[in-house]
Amino acid sequence: MSNQGPQLRHKASEPATGKGASIAEEREKQAALKAYANDEGHFSLVRNFRMADIITLGNAVCGTLCIFLCIRYLSLSANMSGAPSEEAMTSLYWAHFLPMLGFGFDALDGRVARMMGGGSLLGQELDSLADLISFGVAPATLAYTLGMRLPLDIACLLFFVSGGLARLARFNATVALVPTGKSGSIKFFTGIPIPSSLGLTAFMWGCAKTGHFVGAKGWTGSVGDVAGKLAAGKQVAEIDWAAIRRLGDLPGGTIKLFGEAGGIGEVHLLSFVFLAWAAAMVSKTLKVSDKALGLVRLYYKLTHLTTTHQVPKL
């Protein structure tokens, strides 16, 4: 969530325009937009790209490739009687690595923008969209791939992505209003930044590495159990299909909130972690100080232009 766009000063004494910004801020935005006056002819948008914008696209590419590799894993492991093949697991491992690589691009684009004289409003918007893919949609896709596919699981993942989207939108809309001290240093950050979801990605990589996910042990045992029960005269309705589905489940397994086991009221415990993460991202009351979370300070130091606001000191 690096801010390649110009840091706009907020002057409370100046009249507002009705859009939540002062007249000075609107003038600075208009001046920044003039950098894209060359919008005629073919590939005009590409011609207006700066080096930092191209690096930001690398972040988006990493997130998109993560999603593609998740699809590849699911296609390679679907309807397999045994454990996932080595090729499928390689795809899954790379899918977890790519969002972390995307964070490298996310940290680099802000530094390049500073070295080349500043960023742009286009870069700011590009960065937020790339972050949504790599740190919002990609982790949710990884969770779905590892087995969070129950109806309530999907609802929690949708809330997680929506929370990340809202967090990025709020940041872009209020970047000029970030609270600062007398020295100009940032006092605190409202909510946790969306790249913090790399913690979830790292945890899920650990689940994949240790075999704690749905289908990690294959389906041979469960198919054999079903065949044996049917051969013993058991009726189809008497077979515990929910237990079969949970074979090789995620850490914590599932709990039943309502209804019958295996029904719509069942949810993975890990889904509540995604739910809590989304709430922390959009929270207005959660104030994360630089002293309480040094990683946040490091992230902003690496990725944000600080022409107006200094990076808080530990």
C-alpha atoms as a PDB file:
ATOM      1  CA  MET A   1       0.000   0.000   0.000  1.00  0.00           C
ATOM      2  CA  SER A   2       2.799   2.396  -0.836  1.00  0.00           C
ATOM      3  CA  ASN A   3       1.810   5.945  -1.581  1.00  0.00           C
ATOM      4  CA  GLN A   4       3.515   6.967  -4.785  1.00  0.00           C
ATOM      5  CA  GLY A   5       1.226   9.960  -5.096  1.00  0.00           C
ATOM      6  CA  PRO A   6       2.268  13.372  -3.774  1.00  0.00           C
ATOM      7  CA  GLN A   7       1.702  13.873  -0.075  1.00  0.00           C
ATOM      8  CA  LEU A   8      -0.866  16.664   0.139  1.00  0.00           C
ATOM      9  CA  ARG A   9      -0.741  19.119   3.015  1.00  0.00           C
ATOM     10  CA  HIS A  10      -3.964  19.560   4.974  1.00  0.00           C
ATOM     11  CA  LYS A  11      -4.728  23.103   6.058  1.00  0.00           C
ATOM     12  CA  ALA A  12      -7.707  23.210   8.361  1.00  0.00           C
ATOM     13  CA  SER A  13      -7.921  26.993   8.098  1.00  0.00           C
ATOM     14  CA  GLU A  14      -8.722  26.907   4.386  1.00  0.00           C
ATOM     15  CA  PRO A  15     -12.293  26.417   3.161  1.00  0.00           C
ATOM     16  CA  ALA A  16     -13.290  22.958   1.990  1.00  0.00           C
ATOM     17  CA  THR A  17     -14.459  22.214  -1.520  1.00  0.00           C
ATOM     18  CA  GLY A  18     -17.260  19.909  -0.394  1.00  0.00           C
ATOM     19  CA  LYS A  19     -15.265  16.811  -1.356  1.00  0.00           C
ATOM     20  CA  GLY A  20     -13.499  16.399   1.971  1.00  0.00           C
ATOM     21  CA  ALA A  21     -10.324  18.261   0.887  1.00  0.00           C
ATOM     22  CA  SER A  22      -9.180  21.864   1.142  1.00  0.00           C
ATOM     23  CA  ILE A  23      -8.893  24.159  -1.858  1.00  0.00           C
ATOM     24  CA  ALA A  24      -5.096  23.893  -1.682  1.00  0.00           C
ATOM     25  CA  GLU A  25      -5.328  20.098  -1.883  1.00  0.00           C
ATOM     26  CA  GLU A  26      -7.598  20.258  -4.916  1.00  0.00           C
ATOM     27  CA  ARG A  27      -5.204  22.637  -6.642  1.00  0.00           C
ATOM     28  CA  GLU A  28      -2.281  20.309  -5.981  1.00  0.00           C
ATOM     29  CA  LYS A  29      -4.276  17.396  -7.383  1.00  0.00           C
ATOM     30  CA  GLN A  30      -5.071  19.369 -10.528  1.00  0.00           C
ATOM     31  CA  ALA A  31      -1.393  20.242 -10.899  1.00  0.00           C
ATOM     32  CA  ALA A  32      -0.438  16.585 -10.500  1.00  0.00           C
ATOM     33  CA  LEU A  33      -2.949  15.536 -13.140  1.00  0.00           C
ATOM     34  CA  LYS A  34      -1.272  17.845 -15.673  1.00  0.00           C
ATOM     35  CA  ALA A  35       1.593  15.359 -15.726  1.00  0.00           C
ATOM     36  CA  TYR A  36      -0.705  13.241 -17.916  1.00  0.00           C
ATOM     37  CA  ALA A  37      -1.468  15.900 -20.502  1.00  0.00           C
ATOM     38  CA  ASN A  38      -0.052  13.699 -23.253  1.00  0.00           C
ATOM     39  CA  ASP A  39      -3.111  11.497 -23.628  1.00  0.00           C
ATOM     40  CA  GLU A  40      -3.482  11.514 -27.402  1.00  0.00           C
ATOM     41  CA  GLY A  41      -2.618   8.718 -29.789  1.00  0.00           C
ATOM     42  CA  HIS A  42      -1.942   5.028 -29.350  1.00  0.00           C
ATOM     43  CA  PHE A  43      -0.570   3.711 -26.047  1.00  0.00           C
ATOM     44  CA  SER A  44      -0.840   7.145 -24.425  1.00  0.00           C
ATOM     45  CA  LEU A  45      -1.380   5.570 -21.011  1.00  0.00           C
ATOM     46  CA  VAL A  46       1.737   3.421 -21.347  1.00  0.00           C
ATOM     47  CA  ARG A  47       3.795   6.416 -22.453  1.00  0.00           C
ATOM     48  CA  ASN A  48       2.799   8.195 -19.258  1.00  0.00           C
ATOM     49  CA  PHE A  49       3.977   5.322 -17.065  1.00  0.00           C
ATOM     50  CA  ARG A  50       6.954   5.973 -14.812  1.00  0.00           C
ATOM     51  CA  MET A  51       9.479   3.407 -13.673  1.00  0.00           C
ATOM     52  CA  ALA A  52       7.794   3.124 -10.268  1.00  0.00           C
ATOM     53  CA  ASP A  53       4.445   2.407 -11.986  1.00  0.00           C
ATOM     54  CA  ILE A  54       5.978  -0.462 -13.951  1.00  0.00           C
ATOM     55  CA  ILE A  55       7.402  -1.928 -10.738  1.00  0.00           C
ATOM     56  CA  THR A  56       3.953  -1.649  -9.163  1.00  0.00           C
ATOM     57  CA  LEU A  57       2.569  -3.727 -12.023  1.00  0.00           C
ATOM     58  CA  GLY A  58       5.061  -6.419 -10.984  1.00  0.00           C
ATOM     59  CA  ASN A  59       3.225  -6.630  -7.655  1.00  0.00           C
ATOM     60  CA  ALA A  60      -0.084  -7.121  -9.464  1.00  0.00           C
ATOM     61  CA  VAL A  61       1.452  -9.767 -11.732  1.00  0.00           C
ATOM     62  CA  CYS A  62       2.693 -11.733  -8.696  1.00  0.00           C
ATOM     63  CA  GLY A  63      -0.777 -11.715  -7.134  1.00  0.00           C
ATOM     64  CA  THR A  64      -2.403 -12.789 -10.400  1.00  0.00           C
ATOM     65  CA  LEU A  65       0.091 -15.615 -10.932  1.00  0.00           C
ATOM     66  CA  CYS A  66      -0.658 -16.803  -7.387  1.00  0.00           C
ATOM     67  CA  ILE A  67      -4.327 -17.164  -8.333  1.00  0.00           C
ATOM     68  CA  PHE A  68      -3.444 -18.961 -11.579  1.00  0.00           C
ATOM     69  CA  LEU A  69      -1.209 -21.435  -9.723  1.00  0.00           C
ATOM     70  CA  CYS A  70      -3.986 -22.153  -7.228  1.00  0.00           C
ATOM     71  CA  ILE A  71      -6.249 -23.026 -10.144  1.00  0.00           C
ATOM     72  CA  ARG A  72      -3.489 -25.222 -11.576  1.00  0.00           C
ATOM     73  CA  TYR A  73      -3.108 -27.050  -8.264  1.00  0.00           C
ATOM     74  CA  LEU A  74      -6.839 -27.706  -8.014  1.00  0.00           C
ATOM     75  CA  SER A  75      -6.956 -29.005 -11.590  1.00  0.00           C
ATOM     76  CA  LEU A  76      -3.971 -31.312 -11.038  1.00  0.00           C
ATOM     77  CA  SER A  77      -5.266 -32.702  -7.741  1.00  0.00           C
ATOM     78  CA  ALA A  78      -8.957 -33.012  -8.637  1.00  0.00           C
ATOM     79  CA  ASN A  79     -10.367 -36.537  -8.551  1.00  0.00           C
ATOM     80  CA  MET A  80      -6.990 -37.997  -7.591  1.00  0.00           C
ATOM     81  CA  SER A  81      -7.160 -41.179  -5.566  1.00  0.00           C
ATOM     82  CA  GLY A  82      -3.811 -40.568  -3.860  1.00  0.00           C
ATOM     83  CA  ALA A  83      -2.002 -37.621  -2.374  1.00  0.00           C
ATOM     84  CA  PRO A  84      -1.360 -34.593  -4.615  1.00  0.00           C
ATOM     85  CA  SER A  85       1.429 -35.131  -7.111  1.00  0.00           C
ATOM     86  CA  GLU A  86       4.808 -33.443  -6.831  1.00  0.00           C
ATOM     87  CA  GLU A  87       3.881 -31.191  -9.745  1.00  0.00           C
ATOM     88  CA  ALA A  88       0.694 -30.100  -7.980  1.00  0.00           C
ATOM     89  CA  MET A  89       2.517 -29.391  -4.712  1.00  0.00           C
ATOM     90  CA  THR A  90       5.175 -27.376  -6.551  1.00  0.00           C
ATOM     91  CA  SER A  91       2.419 -25.187  -7.956  1.00  0.00           C
ATOM     92  CA  LEU A  92       0.972 -24.767  -4.460  1.00  0.00           C
ATOM     93  CA  TYR A  93       4.343 -23.784  -2.956  1.00  0.00           C
ATOM     94  CA  TRP A  94       4.975 -21.217  -5.673  1.00  0.00           C
ATOM     95  CA  ALA A  95       1.481 -19.846  -5.168  1.00  0.00           C
ATOM     96  CA  HIS A  96       2.394 -19.058  -1.548  1.00  0.00           C
ATOM     97  CA  PHE A  97       5.740 -17.528  -2.492  1.00  0.00           C
ATOM     98  CA  LEU A  98       4.446 -15.076  -5.100  1.00  0.00           C
ATOM     99  CA  PRO A  99       2.561 -12.698  -2.723  1.00  0.00           C
ATOM    100  CA  MET A 100       5.791 -12.389  -0.730  1.00  0.00           C
ATOM    101  CA  LEU A 101       7.633 -11.552  -3.945  1.00  0.00           C
ATOM    102  CA  GLY A 102       4.887  -9.035  -4.655  1.00  0.00           C
ATOM    103  CA  PHE A 103       5.686  -7.329  -1.349  1.00  0.00           C
ATOM    104  CA  GLY A 104       9.229  -6.859  -2.634  1.00  0.00           C
ATOM    105  CA  PHE A 105       7.860  -4.952  -5.626  1.00  0.00           C
ATOM    106  CA  ASP A 106       5.540  -3.062  -3.295  1.00  0.00           C
ATOM    107  CA  ALA A 107       8.504  -1.912  -1.198  1.00  0.00           C
ATOM    108  CA  LEU A 108      10.648  -1.118  -4.228  1.00  0.00           C
ATOM    109  CA  ASP A 109       8.228   1.100  -6.139  1.00  0.00           C
ATOM    110  CA  GLY A 110       8.137   3.768  -3.434  1.00  0.00           C
ATOM    111  CA  ARG A 111      11.916   3.911  -3.207  1.00  0.00           C
ATOM    112  CA  VAL A 112      12.245   4.201  -6.979  1.00  0.00           C
ATOM    113  CA  ALA A 113       9.627   6.971  -7.016  1.00  0.00           C
ATOM    114  CA  ARG A 114      11.624   8.932  -4.439  1.00  0.00           C
ATOM    115  CA  MET A 115      14.889   8.502  -6.349  1.00  0.00           C
ATOM    116  CA  MET A 116      13.260   9.710  -9.564  1.00  0.00           C
ATOM    117  CA  GLY A 117      11.793  12.865  -8.100  1.00  0.00           C
ATOM    118  CA  GLY A 118       8.402  11.797  -6.802  1.00  0.00           C
ATOM    119  CA  GLY A 119       5.400   9.665  -7.633  1.00  0.00           C
ATOM    120  CA  SER A 120       2.059  10.348  -9.227  1.00  0.00           C
ATOM    121  CA  LEU A 121      -1.640  10.059  -8.550  1.00  0.00           C
ATOM    122  CA  LEU A 122      -1.783   7.275 -11.129  1.00  0.00           C
ATOM    123  CA  GLY A 123       0.943   5.419  -9.239  1.00  0.00           C
ATOM    124  CA  GLN A 124      -0.994   5.775  -5.990  1.00  0.00           C
ATOM    125  CA  GLU A 125      -4.102   4.213  -7.499  1.00  0.00           C
ATOM    126  CA  LEU A 126      -2.118   1.494  -9.272  1.00  0.00           C
ATOM    127  CA  ASP A 127      -0.452   0.574  -6.003  1.00  0.00           C
ATOM    128  CA  SER A 128      -3.734   0.168  -4.150  1.00  0.00           C
ATOM    129  CA  LEU A 129      -5.196  -2.017  -6.897  1.00  0.00           C
ATOM    130  CA  ALA A 130      -2.060  -4.180  -6.960  1.00  0.00           C
ATOM    131  CA  ASP A 131      -2.159  -4.533  -3.162  1.00  0.00           C
ATOM    132  CA  LEU A 132      -5.774  -5.673  -3.340  1.00  0.00           C
ATOM    133  CA  ILE A 133      -4.778  -8.499  -5.691  1.00  0.00           C
ATOM    134  CA  SER A 134      -1.606  -9.656  -3.910  1.00  0.00           C
ATOM    135  CA  PHE A 135      -2.660  -9.129  -0.291  1.00  0.00           C
ATOM    136  CA  GLY A 136      -6.433  -9.453  -0.512  1.00  0.00           C
ATOM    137  CA  VAL A 137      -7.670 -11.704  -3.317  1.00  0.00           C
ATOM    138  CA  ALA A 138      -4.566 -13.949  -3.422  1.00  0.00           C
ATOM    139  CA  PRO A 139      -4.623 -14.948   0.298  1.00  0.00           C
ATOM    140  CA  ALA A 140      -8.348 -15.627   0.062  1.00  0.00           C
ATOM    141  CA  THR A 141      -7.748 -17.829  -2.991  1.00  0.00           C
ATOM    142  CA  LEU A 142      -4.985 -19.707  -1.160  1.00  0.00           C
ATOM    143  CA  ALA A 143      -7.323 -20.332   1.776  1.00  0.00           C
ATOM    144  CA  TYR A 144     -10.014 -21.625  -0.576  1.00  0.00           C
ATOM    145  CA  THR A 145      -7.458 -23.879  -2.291  1.00  0.00           C
ATOM    146  CA  LEU A 146      -6.354 -25.384   1.027  1.00  0.00           C
ATOM    147  CA  GLY A 147      -9.904 -26.339   1.943  1.00  0.00           C
ATOM    148  CA  MET A 148     -11.882 -23.337   3.206  1.00  0.00           C
ATOM    149  CA  ARG A 149     -14.749 -24.046   0.818  1.00  0.00           C
ATOM    150  CA  LEU A 150     -17.755 -24.347   3.131  1.00  0.00           C
ATOM    151  CA  PRO A 151     -20.498 -21.720   2.663  1.00  0.00           C
ATOM    152  CA  LEU A 152     -19.575 -19.885   5.866  1.00  0.00           C
ATOM    153  CA  ASP A 153     -15.881 -20.136   4.963  1.00  0.00           C
ATOM    154  CA  ILE A 154     -16.576 -18.413   1.665  1.00  0.00           C
ATOM    155  CA  ALA A 155     -18.608 -15.708   3.421  1.00  0.00           C
ATOM    156  CA  CYS A 156     -15.654 -14.991   5.742  1.00  0.00           C
ATOM    157  CA  LEU A 157     -13.232 -14.851   2.820  1.00  0.00           C
ATOM    158  CA  LEU A 158     -15.504 -12.441   0.956  1.00  0.00           C
ATOM    159  CA  PHE A 159     -15.609 -10.242   4.060  1.00  0.00           C
ATOM    160  CA  PHE A 160     -11.805 -10.386   4.229  1.00  0.00           C
ATOM    161  CA  VAL A 161     -11.399  -9.188   0.634  1.00  0.00           C
ATOM    162  CA  SER A 162     -14.057  -6.505   1.114  1.00  0.00           C
ATOM    163  CA  GLY A 163     -12.305  -5.313   4.277  1.00  0.00           C
ATOM    164  CA  GLY A 164      -9.015  -4.982   2.417  1.00  0.00           C
ATOM    165  CA  LEU A 165     -10.717  -3.073  -0.373  1.00  0.00           C
ATOM    166  CA  ALA A 166     -12.355  -0.695   2.099  1.00  0.00           C
ATOM    167  CA  ARG A 167      -9.028  -0.214   3.928  1.00  0.00           C
ATOM    168  CA  LEU A 168      -7.254   0.798   0.706  1.00  0.00           C
ATOM    169  CA  ALA A 169     -10.067   3.123  -0.354  1.00  0.00           C
ATOM    170  CA  ARG A 170     -10.056   4.854   3.024  1.00  0.00           C
ATOM    171  CA  PHE A 171      -6.294   5.298   2.927  1.00  0.00           C
ATOM    172  CA  ASN A 172      -6.366   6.903  -0.522  1.00  0.00           C
ATOM    173  CA  ALA A 173      -9.195   9.220   0.504  1.00  0.00           C
ATOM    174  CA  THR A 174      -7.605  10.347   3.777  1.00  0.00           C
ATOM    175  CA  VAL A 175      -3.851  10.213   3.105  1.00  0.00           C
ATOM    176  CA  ALA A 176      -3.610  13.999   3.518  1.00  0.00           C
ATOM    177  CA  LEU A 177      -5.302  13.801   6.914  1.00  0.00           C
ATOM    178  CA  VAL A 178      -2.917  11.347   8.571  1.00  0.00           C
ATOM    179  CA  PRO A 179      -2.427  12.620  12.157  1.00  0.00           C
ATOM    180  CA  THR A 180       1.013  14.055  12.784  1.00  0.00           C
ATOM    181  CA  GLY A 181       2.899  15.448  15.749  1.00  0.00           C
ATOM    182  CA  LYS A 182       4.623  18.827  16.072  1.00  0.00           C
ATOM    183  CA  SER A 183       7.691  17.502  14.307  1.00  0.00           C
ATOM    184  CA  GLY A 184       5.604  16.220  11.412  1.00  0.00           C
ATOM    185  CA  SER A 185       6.024  12.562  12.340  1.00  0.00           C
ATOM    186  CA  ILE A 186       3.045  10.246  12.073  1.00  0.00           C
ATOM    187  CA  LYS A 187       1.417   9.568  15.454  1.00  0.00           C
ATOM    188  CA  PHE A 188      -0.363   6.334  14.605  1.00  0.00           C
ATOM    189  CA  PHE A 189      -1.975   4.315  11.818  1.00  0.00           C
ATOM    190  CA  THR A 190      -5.687   3.600  11.778  1.00  0.00           C
ATOM    191  CA  GLY A 191      -6.226  -0.116  11.324  1.00  0.00           C
ATOM    192  CA  ILE A 192      -3.595  -2.578  10.142  1.00  0.00           C
ATOM    193  CA  PRO A 193      -2.274  -2.246   6.555  1.00  0.00           C
ATOM    194  CA  ILE A 194      -3.399  -4.861   4.056  1.00  0.00           C
ATOM    195  CA  PRO A 195       0.131  -6.251   3.406  1.00  0.00           C
ATOM    196  CA  SER A 196      -0.037  -7.603   6.961  1.00  0.00           C
ATOM    197  CA  SER A 197      -1.999 -10.479   5.398  1.00  0.00           C
ATOM    198  CA  LEU A 198       1.392 -11.907   4.468  1.00  0.00           C
ATOM    199  CA  GLY A 199       1.246 -13.333   7.986  1.00  0.00           C
ATOM    200  CA  LEU A 200      -1.758 -15.390   6.911  1.00  0.00           C
ATOM    201  CA  THR A 201       0.029 -16.399   3.710  1.00  0.00           C
ATOM    202  CA  ALA A 202       3.060 -17.578   5.689  1.00  0.00           C
ATOM    203  CA  PHE A 203       0.832 -19.575   8.040  1.00  0.00           C
ATOM    204  CA  MET A 204      -0.939 -21.245   5.121  1.00  0.00           C
ATOM    205  CA  TRP A 205       2.437 -22.073   3.566  1.00  0.00           C
ATOM    206  CA  GLY A 206       3.265 -23.857   6.825  1.00  0.00           C
ATOM    207  CA  CYS A 207       0.010 -25.799   6.549  1.00  0.00           C
ATOM    208  CA  ALA A 208       0.863 -26.821   2.981  1.00  0.00           C
ATOM    209  CA  LYS A 209       4.418 -27.775   3.934  1.00  0.00           C
ATOM    210  CA  THR A 210       3.334 -29.951   6.871  1.00  0.00           C
ATOM    211  CA  GLY A 211       0.351 -31.506   5.100  1.00  0.00           C
ATOM    212  CA  HIS A 212      -2.350 -29.874   7.226  1.00  0.00           C
ATOM    213  CA  PHE A 213      -4.910 -29.097   4.531  1.00  0.00           C
ATOM    214  CA  VAL A 214      -7.861 -30.765   2.852  1.00  0.00           C
ATOM    215  CA  GLY A 215      -6.765 -33.525   0.493  1.00  0.00           C
ATOM    216  CA  ALA A 216      -3.159 -33.560   1.715  1.00  0.00           C
ATOM    217  CA  LYS A 217      -3.367 -37.316   2.326  1.00  0.00           C
ATOM    218  CA  GLY A 218      -5.368 -38.013  -0.768  1.00  0.00           C
ATOM    219  CA  TRP A 219      -8.703 -39.758  -0.888  1.00  0.00           C
ATOM    220  CA  THR A 220      -7.652 -43.410  -1.079  1.00  0.00           C
ATOM    221  CA  GLY A 221      -8.558 -44.196   2.509  1.00  0.00           C
ATOM    222  CA  SER A 222     -11.927 -42.503   2.358  1.00  0.00           C
ATOM    223  CA  VAL A 223     -12.880 -44.158  -0.943  1.00  0.00           C
ATOM    224  CA  GLY A 224     -11.899 -47.539   0.490  1.00  0.00           C
ATOM    225  CA  ASP A 225     -13.980 -46.911   3.612  1.00  0.00           C
ATOM    226  CA  VAL A 226     -17.023 -46.014   1.537  1.00  0.00           C
ATOM    227  CA  ALA A 227     -16.599 -49.091  -0.670  1.00  0.00           C
ATOM    228  CA  GLY A 228     -16.234 -51.299   2.395  1.00  0.00           C
ATOM    229  CA  LYS A 229     -19.348 -49.909   4.058  1.00  0.00           C
ATOM    230  CA  LEU A 230     -21.394 -50.275   0.897  1.00  0.00           C
ATOM    231  CA  ALA A 231     -20.144 -53.841   0.501  1.00  0.00           C
ATOM    232  CA  ALA A 232     -21.165 -54.520   4.112  1.00  0.00           C
ATOM    233  CA  GLY A 233     -24.727 -53.526   3.303  1.00  0.00           C
ATOM    234  CA  LYS A 234     -24.664 -49.991   4.652  1.00  0.00           C
ATOM    235  CA  GLN A 235     -27.051 -47.555   3.060  1.00  0.00           C
ATOM    236  CA  VAL A 236     -25.725 -44.428   1.347  1.00  0.00           C
ATOM    237  CA  ALA A 237     -27.544 -42.266   3.882  1.00  0.00           C
ATOM    238  CA  GLU A 238     -25.709 -44.007   6.745  1.00  0.00           C
ATOM    239  CA  ILE A 239     -22.239 -42.997   5.549  1.00  0.00           C
ATOM    240  CA  ASP A 240     -20.651 -40.020   7.329  1.00  0.00           C
ATOM    241  CA  TRP A 241     -19.877 -37.938   4.259  1.00  0.00           C
ATOM    242  CA  ALA A 242     -18.851 -34.954   6.421  1.00  0.00           C
ATOM    243  CA  ALA A 243     -16.069 -37.008   8.017  1.00  0.00           C
ATOM    244  CA  ILE A 244     -14.847 -38.011   4.585  1.00  0.00           C
ATOM    245  CA  ARG A 245     -14.737 -34.408   3.453  1.00  0.00           C
ATOM    246  CA  ARG A 246     -12.729 -33.410   6.523  1.00  0.00           C
ATOM    247  CA  LEU A 247      -9.998 -35.986   5.886  1.00  0.00           C
ATOM    248  CA  GLY A 248      -6.659 -34.139   6.077  1.00  0.00           C
ATOM    249  CA  ASP A 249      -8.283 -30.930   7.319  1.00  0.00           C
ATOM    250  CA  LEU A 250      -6.816 -27.537   8.201  1.00  0.00           C
ATOM    251  CA  PRO A 251      -5.506 -26.877  11.741  1.00  0.00           C
ATOM    252  CA  GLY A 252      -8.419 -26.621  14.158  1.00  0.00           C
ATOM    253  CA  GLY A 253     -10.785 -28.422  11.819  1.00  0.00           C
ATOM    254  CA  THR A 254     -14.409 -27.322  11.671  1.00  0.00           C
ATOM    255  CA  ILE A 255     -17.127 -26.531  14.166  1.00  0.00           C
ATOM    256  CA  LYS A 256     -20.889 -26.708  13.817  1.00  0.00           C
ATOM    257  CA  LEU A 257     -22.627 -23.406  14.549  1.00  0.00           C
ATOM    258  CA  PHE A 258     -26.111 -24.651  13.704  1.00  0.00           C
ATOM    259  CA  GLY A 259     -27.886 -27.372  11.773  1.00  0.00           C
ATOM    260  CA  GLU A 260     -26.500 -30.812  11.075  1.00  0.00           C
ATOM    261  CA  ALA A 261     -22.872 -31.883  10.758  1.00  0.00           C
ATOM    262  CA  GLY A 262     -21.641 -31.234   7.243  1.00  0.00           C
ATOM    263  CA  GLY A 263     -24.455 -28.760   6.630  1.00  0.00           C
ATOM    264  CA  ILE A 264     -24.502 -25.056   5.892  1.00  0.00           C
ATOM    265  CA  GLY A 265     -23.872 -24.208   9.544  1.00  0.00           C
ATOM    266  CA  GLU A 266     -20.382 -25.754   9.623  1.00  0.00           C
ATOM    267  CA  VAL A 267     -17.290 -23.522   9.389  1.00  0.00           C
ATOM    268  CA  HIS A 268     -13.517 -23.853   9.709  1.00  0.00           C
ATOM    269  CA  LEU A 269     -11.984 -22.255  12.771  1.00  0.00           C
ATOM    270  CA  LEU A 270      -9.400 -20.612  10.543  1.00  0.00           C
ATOM    271  CA  SER A 271     -12.200 -18.605   8.929  1.00  0.00           C
ATOM    272  CA  PHE A 272     -12.589 -16.618  12.141  1.00  0.00           C
ATOM    273  CA  VAL A 273      -8.951 -15.535  11.829  1.00  0.00           C
ATOM    274  CA  PHE A 274      -9.686 -14.081   8.389  1.00  0.00           C
ATOM    275  CA  LEU A 275     -12.798 -12.465   9.818  1.00  0.00           C
ATOM    276  CA  ALA A 276     -10.835 -10.861  12.655  1.00  0.00           C
ATOM    277  CA  TRP A 277      -8.124  -9.731  10.241  1.00  0.00           C
ATOM    278  CA  ALA A 278     -10.697  -7.949   8.086  1.00  0.00           C
ATOM    279  CA  ALA A 279     -12.174  -6.244  11.129  1.00  0.00           C
ATOM    280  CA  ALA A 280      -8.700  -5.071  12.184  1.00  0.00           C
ATOM    281  CA  MET A 281      -8.053  -3.593   8.738  1.00  0.00           C
ATOM    282  CA  VAL A 282     -11.230  -1.508   8.642  1.00  0.00           C
ATOM    283  CA  SER A 283     -11.330  -0.619  12.338  1.00  0.00           C
ATOM    284  CA  LYS A 284     -11.509   3.098  13.011  1.00  0.00           C
ATOM    285  CA  THR A 285     -10.771   2.705  16.717  1.00  0.00           C
ATOM    286  CA  LEU A 286      -7.700   0.478  16.334  1.00  0.00           C
ATOM    287  CA  LYS A 287      -4.695   2.785  16.556  1.00  0.00           C
ATOM    288  CA  VAL A 288      -1.432   1.079  15.706  1.00  0.00           C
ATOM    289  CA  SER A 289       1.484   3.148  16.992  1.00  0.00           C
ATOM    290  CA  ASP A 290       4.925   2.866  15.476  1.00  0.00           C
ATOM    291  CA  LYS A 291       6.359   1.831  18.849  1.00  0.00           C
ATOM    292  CA  ALA A 292       3.772  -0.930  19.265  1.00  0.00           C
ATOM    293  CA  LEU A 293       4.373  -2.356  15.796  1.00  0.00           C
ATOM    294  CA  GLY A 294       7.810  -1.704  14.374  1.00  0.00           C
ATOM    295  CA  LEU A 295       7.014  -3.652  11.191  1.00  0.00           C
ATOM    296  CA  VAL A 296       4.406  -1.051  10.274  1.00  0.00           C
ATOM    297  CA  ARG A 297       7.005   1.676  10.616  1.00  0.00           C
ATOM    298  CA  LEU A 298       9.443  -0.307   8.464  1.00  0.00           C
ATOM    299  CA  TYR A 299       6.763  -0.894   5.832  1.00  0.00           C
ATOM    300  CA  TYR A 300       5.893   2.789   5.578  1.00  0.00           C
ATOM    301  CA  LYS A 301       9.561   3.747   5.558  1.00  0.00           C
ATOM    302  CA  LEU A 302      10.217   1.431   2.627  1.00  0.00           C
ATOM    303  CA  THR A 303       7.136   2.170   0.573  1.00  0.00           C
ATOM    304  CA  HIS A 304       5.843   5.684   1.244  1.00  0.00           C
ATOM    305  CA  LEU A 305       6.976   9.007  -0.074  1.00  0.00           C
ATOM    306  CA  THR A 306       7.612  11.264   2.892  1.00  0.00           C
ATOM    307  CA  THR A 307       7.900  14.707   1.361  1.00  0.00           C
ATOM    308  CA  THR A 308       5.450  16.130   3.870  1.00  0.00           C
ATOM    309  CA  HIS A 309       5.297  13.647   6.743  1.00  0.00           C
ATOM    310  CA  GLN A 310       8.341  12.135   8.352  1.00  0.00           C
ATOM    311  CA  VAL A 311       8.481   8.461   9.149  1.00  0.00           C
ATOM    312  CA  PRO A 312       7.857   8.021  12.893  1.00  0.00           C
ATOM    313  CA  LYS A 313      10.936   7.361  14.968  1.00  0.00           C
ATOM    314  CA  LEU A 314      11.139   4.409  17.338  1.00  0.00           C
END
